[in-house]
Amino acid sequence: MDLGEWAAVGNADSGARPLAIEARGLVKRFDGFTAVDGIDLTVPEGSIYGILGPNGAGKTTTLRMLLGIIDPDEGVRRVLGHERPHEIAGQIGYLPEERGLYPAMKAYDAIAFLGSLRGLPLREGRRRGRELLEAHGLGYAADRQIRQLSKGMAQQVQLLGTLVHHPRLVIFDEPFSGLDALNQGKLERMIRGLADNGTTVIFSTHVIAHAERMCDEVAIIAGGKVPFAGPVDVARDRIPPQVMLETRAGDGAWRAAIPADARVARKASGATQWQFSLPPSGVEPLLRALIEGDAGILSLSIERAGLHDAFVAIAGEAAARALEENPEEQR
């Protein structure tokens, strides 16, 4: 089965939107090291899709293969219906993790220059550059050189240069890296606005909160493999809902209704806290046992698992710890 047949079967099965990205079995090696090991991805058009994993997991290599910057050693890919992504560069916007602008360029010229790399005429790029800067509250800086801008302003200029040619697909590699909370919020709103207008947005990140808050679907990458790819809700449902219970009593016949692996903590007030997965039988038998056994329910809530817990369950504790090795990015 070739890539087209495989994608057609996937679409027929899922009833999903047309695909902006189709990739199957992507493998990339560098000097005998396998950076990406058999990755499959399908990204629906108009979606916000996150590639989530620790640094070194293979996220950037995967994005570069999808962009056509490097070719896979094995596997097939199709981007916006094309098997040679570099041939449709004008329909793609790309913000790499390693960013940089010519410091002597004026802000609006820098935007135009980036657009020209994607086929946009310089004159039109300059016009759009001024419009974009004005629309994003930076009109006053249009004629300033990049070296005269703050780091955050320069990052915004490069971001606008990624979008100036009106791409159908935008790929961001760690776009929130180095941004303060205010500019992170601006970027999130911009990404949502792009998707609302039909643009497909893919971004890599090692910050789970960004993926959970923004993405329709995610691919979790660990060790160059994708143990999960699909809707965020499906990832979270890999873990049963968690019961948070506080009882006045610490023991009794009712304890038989609480799983043996429940986490238990004693509070200074003498109450007992319990946390455990919701039993397959549901909450009703548990409630009945607690009430009839006079456990003294002080509080009870059922919480759906978050994406962080799902990541741990899917990718493992080691990969989750690696995500947290960059505390600056966890703000």
Protein backbone atom coordinates (compact mmCIF):
# COMPACT_ATOMS: atom_id res chain seq x y z
CA MET A 1 0.00 0.00 0.00
CA ASP A 2 1.49 3.38 -0.98
CA LEU A 3 1.10 6.61 0.99
CA GLY A 4 -1.94 7.80 -0.95
CA GLU A 5 -3.80 4.52 -0.40
CA TRP A 6 -2.81 4.47 3.28
CA ALA A 7 -4.02 8.05 3.81
CA ALA A 8 -7.27 7.36 1.97
CA VAL A 9 -7.98 4.39 4.22
CA GLY A 10 -7.22 6.49 7.29
CA ASN A 11 -9.58 9.24 6.17
CA ALA A 12 -12.33 6.78 5.33
CA ASP A 13 -12.00 5.14 8.72
CA SER A 14 -11.96 8.32 10.75
CA GLY A 15 -14.26 10.58 8.76
CA ALA A 16 -11.69 13.29 9.42
CA ARG A 17 -10.97 16.50 7.56
CA PRO A 18 -8.57 16.39 4.60
CA LEU A 19 -4.97 15.95 5.69
CA ALA A 20 -2.35 18.67 5.56
CA ILE A 21 0.40 16.23 6.57
CA GLU A 22 0.67 12.52 5.85
CA ALA A 23 3.79 10.67 6.94
CA ARG A 24 4.45 7.00 7.29
CA GLY A 25 7.48 5.15 8.61
CA LEU A 26 9.86 8.13 8.66
CA VAL A 27 13.40 7.16 9.64
CA LYS A 28 16.46 9.41 9.84
CA ARG A 29 19.98 8.42 10.86
CA PHE A 30 23.04 10.57 11.50
CA ASP A 31 26.43 8.85 11.61
CA GLY A 32 24.89 5.58 12.71
CA PHE A 33 22.59 7.20 15.29
CA THR A 34 18.86 6.80 14.64
CA ALA A 35 17.30 10.17 15.48
CA VAL A 36 13.84 9.28 14.16
CA ASP A 37 12.73 5.66 14.09
CA GLY A 38 9.59 4.88 12.10
CA ILE A 39 7.31 7.86 12.78
CA ASP A 40 3.72 7.97 11.47
CA LEU A 41 1.78 11.26 11.48
CA THR A 42 -1.51 12.50 10.06
CA VAL A 43 -2.38 16.16 10.59
CA PRO A 44 -5.87 17.38 9.59
CA GLU A 45 -6.13 20.64 7.69
CA GLY A 46 -7.01 23.66 9.83
CA SER A 47 -5.98 21.99 13.08
CA ILE A 48 -3.50 22.96 15.78
CA TYR A 49 -1.19 19.99 16.12
CA GLY A 50 1.47 19.61 18.79
CA ILE A 51 4.61 17.51 18.67
CA LEU A 52 5.42 16.92 22.31
CA GLY A 53 8.60 15.50 23.72
CA PRO A 54 11.83 16.27 25.56
CA ASN A 55 14.80 17.93 23.91
CA GLY A 56 16.65 15.41 21.79
CA ALA A 57 13.57 13.25 21.23
CA GLY A 58 13.57 13.82 17.45
CA LYS A 59 11.08 16.69 17.17
CA THR A 60 13.24 19.05 15.09
CA THR A 61 14.47 16.27 12.81
CA THR A 62 10.87 15.25 12.16
CA LEU A 63 9.85 18.82 11.31
CA ARG A 64 12.80 19.23 8.96
CA MET A 65 11.83 16.07 7.11
CA LEU A 66 8.26 17.32 6.76
CA LEU A 67 9.57 20.63 5.41
CA GLY A 68 11.88 18.97 2.90
CA ILE A 69 14.98 20.52 4.49
CA ILE A 70 16.30 16.98 4.88
CA ASP A 71 15.04 13.77 3.31
CA PRO A 72 14.13 10.67 5.30
CA ASP A 73 16.32 7.61 4.97
CA GLU A 74 13.16 5.52 4.96
CA GLY A 75 9.45 6.22 4.79
CA VAL A 76 7.18 8.53 2.83
CA ARG A 77 5.62 11.93 3.47
CA ARG A 78 3.10 14.18 1.77
CA VAL A 79 2.68 17.85 2.65
CA LEU A 80 -0.40 19.68 1.33
CA GLY A 81 -0.73 16.86 -1.18
CA HIS A 82 2.89 17.06 -2.41
CA GLU A 83 5.63 14.50 -1.89
CA ARG A 84 8.40 17.11 -2.42
CA PRO A 85 7.70 19.77 0.23
CA HIS A 86 10.40 22.19 -1.00
CA GLU A 87 8.45 22.59 -4.24
CA ILE A 88 5.58 24.26 -2.33
CA ALA A 89 7.68 26.41 -0.03
CA GLY A 90 5.47 29.39 -0.83
CA GLN A 91 2.55 27.70 0.92
CA ILE A 92 4.49 26.97 4.10
CA GLY A 93 5.71 29.21 6.92
CA TYR A 94 8.51 27.97 9.17
CA LEU A 95 9.87 29.43 12.40
CA PRO A 96 12.99 27.46 13.42
CA GLU A 97 14.14 27.10 16.99
CA GLU A 98 17.48 28.73 16.11
CA ARG A 99 16.28 32.22 15.22
CA GLY A 100 18.14 35.15 13.81
CA LEU A 101 17.67 38.32 11.79
CA TYR A 102 20.15 40.64 10.10
CA PRO A 103 20.75 43.28 12.81
CA ALA A 104 21.14 46.17 10.32
CA MET A 105 17.80 45.52 8.61
CA LYS A 106 14.80 47.63 9.44
CA ALA A 107 11.90 45.73 10.96
CA TYR A 108 9.58 45.99 7.97
CA ASP A 109 12.45 45.06 5.59
CA ALA A 110 13.26 41.99 7.69
CA ILE A 111 9.67 40.81 7.33
CA ALA A 112 9.76 41.45 3.58
CA PHE A 113 13.06 39.58 3.27
CA LEU A 114 11.69 36.51 5.03
CA GLY A 115 8.64 36.62 2.76
CA SER A 116 10.87 36.84 -0.31
CA LEU A 117 12.49 33.54 0.68
CA ARG A 118 9.00 32.03 0.21
CA GLY A 119 8.37 33.71 -3.14
CA LEU A 120 6.68 36.95 -2.06
CA PRO A 121 7.82 40.00 -4.10
CA LEU A 122 9.85 42.39 -1.95
CA ARG A 123 7.65 45.39 -2.70
CA GLU A 124 4.55 43.53 -1.57
CA GLY A 125 6.41 42.14 1.41
CA ARG A 126 7.38 45.63 2.55
CA ARG A 127 3.78 46.79 2.28
CA ARG A 128 2.51 43.81 4.21
CA GLY A 129 5.35 44.14 6.71
CA ARG A 130 4.27 47.63 7.69
CA GLU A 131 0.62 46.51 7.89
CA LEU A 132 1.49 43.55 10.11
CA LEU A 133 3.64 45.62 12.44
CA GLU A 134 0.85 48.18 12.77
CA ALA A 135 -1.76 45.47 13.38
CA HIS A 136 0.33 43.94 16.16
CA GLY A 137 1.13 47.16 17.97
CA LEU A 138 4.63 47.57 16.55
CA GLY A 139 3.97 50.16 13.87
CA TYR A 140 6.17 52.65 15.70
CA ALA A 141 9.15 50.28 15.25
CA ALA A 142 8.76 49.65 11.50
CA ASP A 143 11.79 51.77 10.56
CA ARG A 144 13.98 50.72 13.47
CA GLN A 145 16.90 48.39 12.86
CA ILE A 146 16.67 44.94 14.38
CA ARG A 147 19.62 45.78 16.64
CA GLN A 148 17.54 48.59 18.14
CA LEU A 149 14.68 46.28 19.14
CA SER A 150 14.27 44.35 22.36
CA LYS A 151 14.65 40.58 22.18
CA GLY A 152 10.87 40.11 22.45
CA MET A 153 10.19 42.64 19.67
CA ALA A 154 12.75 40.99 17.39
CA GLN A 155 11.09 37.62 18.00
CA GLN A 156 7.75 39.12 17.01
CA VAL A 157 9.27 40.51 13.82
CA GLN A 158 10.58 37.07 12.87
CA LEU A 159 7.21 35.56 13.68
CA LEU A 160 5.46 38.07 11.40
CA GLY A 161 8.01 37.26 8.71
CA THR A 162 6.94 33.63 9.00
CA LEU A 163 3.35 34.63 8.19
CA VAL A 164 3.73 37.53 5.74
CA HIS A 165 3.24 35.39 2.60
CA HIS A 166 -0.10 33.99 3.90
CA PRO A 167 0.92 30.32 4.19
CA ARG A 168 -1.59 27.47 4.30
CA LEU A 169 0.63 25.54 6.71
CA VAL A 170 2.74 27.05 9.51
CA ILE A 171 5.35 25.04 11.40
CA PHE A 172 6.86 26.42 14.62
CA ASP A 173 9.80 24.73 16.33
CA GLU A 174 9.65 25.50 20.08
CA PRO A 175 7.91 28.84 19.40
CA PHE A 176 7.42 29.73 23.07
CA SER A 177 11.09 29.38 23.95
CA GLY A 178 12.45 32.57 25.49
CA LEU A 179 9.13 34.44 25.45
CA ASP A 180 7.81 36.06 28.61
CA ALA A 181 4.27 35.32 29.80
CA LEU A 182 2.80 38.33 27.97
CA ASN A 183 4.30 37.40 24.62
CA GLN A 184 3.44 33.73 25.13
CA GLY A 185 -0.20 34.81 25.46
CA LYS A 186 0.04 36.91 22.29
CA LEU A 187 1.50 33.97 20.40
CA GLU A 188 -1.22 31.62 21.64
CA ARG A 189 -3.90 34.04 20.44
CA MET A 190 -2.17 34.36 17.08
CA ILE A 191 -1.99 30.59 16.64
CA ARG A 192 -5.69 30.23 17.45
CA GLY A 193 -6.49 33.01 14.99
CA LEU A 194 -4.56 31.25 12.24
CA ALA A 195 -6.44 28.00 12.83
CA ASP A 196 -9.78 29.85 12.94
CA ASN A 197 -8.97 31.15 9.45
CA GLY A 198 -8.22 27.66 8.13
CA THR A 199 -4.43 27.63 8.44
CA THR A 200 -2.89 24.40 9.71
CA VAL A 201 -0.50 25.01 12.60
CA ILE A 202 2.07 22.50 13.81
CA PHE A 203 4.35 23.32 16.70
CA SER A 204 6.87 21.33 18.66
CA THR A 205 7.21 21.86 22.38
CA HIS A 206 8.52 20.26 25.55
CA VAL A 207 6.08 22.28 27.67
CA ILE A 208 3.01 20.11 28.28
CA ALA A 209 0.80 23.02 29.36
CA HIS A 210 1.05 24.64 25.93
CA ALA A 211 0.08 21.44 24.14
CA GLU A 212 -2.78 20.68 26.52
CA ARG A 213 -4.17 24.21 26.33
CA MET A 214 -3.98 24.69 22.59
CA CYS A 215 -3.81 21.51 20.55
CA ASP A 216 -6.56 19.55 18.86
CA GLU A 217 -4.19 16.61 18.46
CA VAL A 218 -0.69 15.73 19.62
CA ALA A 219 2.07 13.33 18.73
CA ILE A 220 4.15 12.25 21.72
CA ILE A 221 7.76 11.61 20.71
CA ALA A 222 10.24 9.77 22.92
CA GLY A 223 13.48 8.25 21.76
CA GLY A 224 12.72 8.95 18.11
CA LYS A 225 9.45 7.00 18.21
CA VAL A 226 5.79 8.02 18.49
CA PRO A 227 4.05 5.88 21.10
CA PHE A 228 0.90 8.00 20.73
CA ALA A 229 -0.60 10.27 18.08
CA GLY A 230 -4.16 11.51 18.20
CA PRO A 231 -6.62 13.83 19.96
CA VAL A 232 -5.57 15.24 23.33
CA ASP A 233 -8.74 13.88 24.93
CA VAL A 234 -7.90 10.37 23.74
CA ALA A 235 -4.44 10.66 25.30
CA ARG A 236 -5.92 11.80 28.60
CA ASP A 237 -8.40 8.94 28.54
CA ARG A 238 -5.52 6.47 28.59
CA ILE A 239 -5.64 6.96 32.38
CA PRO A 240 -8.82 6.35 34.41
CA PRO A 241 -10.29 9.38 36.20
CA GLN A 242 -8.74 10.01 39.60
CA VAL A 243 -10.80 9.98 42.81
CA MET A 244 -9.79 12.55 45.43
CA LEU A 245 -11.37 11.58 48.75
CA GLU A 246 -11.09 12.92 52.28
CA THR A 247 -12.63 10.97 55.17
CA ARG A 248 -13.01 11.64 58.87
CA ALA A 249 -12.32 7.99 59.73
CA GLY A 250 -9.05 6.33 58.79
CA ASP A 251 -10.15 2.71 58.85
CA GLY A 252 -13.19 0.47 58.74
CA ALA A 253 -14.92 -2.17 56.66
CA TRP A 254 -15.46 0.47 53.95
CA ARG A 255 -11.73 0.38 53.14
CA ALA A 256 -12.37 -2.76 51.09
CA ALA A 257 -14.02 -0.50 48.48
CA ILE A 258 -10.83 1.57 48.06
CA PRO A 259 -8.13 0.11 45.75
CA ALA A 260 -5.14 -1.33 47.56
CA ASP A 261 -2.73 0.91 45.61
CA ALA A 262 -4.45 4.12 46.72
CA ARG A 263 -2.18 6.92 47.92
CA VAL A 264 -2.92 7.81 51.53
CA ALA A 265 -1.99 10.87 53.59
CA ARG A 266 -2.94 11.90 57.11
CA LYS A 267 -3.77 15.57 57.66
CA ALA A 268 -2.95 17.56 60.78
CA SER A 269 -6.68 17.73 61.52
CA GLY A 270 -6.79 13.94 61.79
CA ALA A 271 -8.66 13.48 58.50
CA THR A 272 -7.35 11.03 55.90
CA GLN A 273 -6.79 11.87 52.24
CA TRP A 274 -7.02 9.24 49.52
CA GLN A 275 -6.17 9.32 45.82
CA PHE A 276 -6.83 6.42 43.48
CA SER A 277 -8.12 5.54 40.03
CA LEU A 278 -11.87 5.32 39.70
CA PRO A 279 -12.76 1.61 39.91
CA PRO A 280 -14.32 0.02 36.80
CA SER A 281 -17.56 -0.42 38.76
CA GLY A 282 -17.90 3.36 38.98
CA VAL A 283 -18.46 5.71 41.88
CA GLU A 284 -21.84 4.43 43.14
CA PRO A 285 -20.60 1.25 44.91
CA LEU A 286 -17.79 3.28 46.45
CA LEU A 287 -20.20 5.90 47.77
CA ARG A 288 -22.50 3.23 49.16
CA ALA A 289 -19.64 1.54 51.04
CA LEU A 290 -18.39 4.85 52.45
CA ILE A 291 -21.84 5.93 53.63
CA GLU A 292 -22.91 2.56 55.05
CA GLY A 293 -19.53 2.09 56.72
CA ASP A 294 -19.69 5.54 58.35
CA ALA A 295 -16.39 6.66 56.84
CA GLY A 296 -17.36 10.29 57.33
CA ILE A 297 -16.97 11.78 53.85
CA LEU A 298 -15.50 15.28 54.13
CA SER A 299 -14.94 15.78 50.42
CA LEU A 300 -15.01 13.72 47.25
CA SER A 301 -14.18 14.72 43.68
CA ILE A 302 -13.45 12.90 40.46
CA GLU A 303 -10.82 14.51 38.26
CA ARG A 304 -9.99 13.64 34.69
CA ALA A 305 -6.30 12.89 34.12
CA GLY A 306 -4.22 15.71 32.68
CA LEU A 307 -1.94 15.48 29.67
CA HIS A 308 1.11 15.34 31.95
CA ASP A 309 -0.16 12.15 33.61
CA ALA A 310 -1.02 10.76 30.18
CA PHE A 311 2.48 11.56 28.94
CA VAL A 312 4.00 9.67 31.88
CA ALA A 313 1.76 6.67 31.20
CA ILE A 314 2.51 6.69 27.46
CA ALA A 315 6.17 7.71 27.25
CA GLY A 316 7.44 6.67 30.68
CA GLU A 317 8.90 8.36 33.73
CA ALA A 318 12.31 8.95 32.14
CA ALA A 319 10.86 10.90 29.24
CA ALA A 320 8.68 12.91 31.63
CA ARG A 321 11.72 13.80 33.75
CA ALA A 322 13.57 14.89 30.61
CA LEU A 323 10.72 17.29 29.85
CA GLU A 324 11.34 19.01 33.15
CA GLU A 325 15.08 19.51 32.67
CA ASN A 326 14.42 23.01 31.32
CA PRO A 327 12.75 24.83 34.24
CA GLU A 328 12.89 28.20 32.40
CA GLU A 329 10.50 26.80 29.82
CA GLN A 330 8.04 25.59 32.45
CA ARG A 331 6.88 29.09 33.39
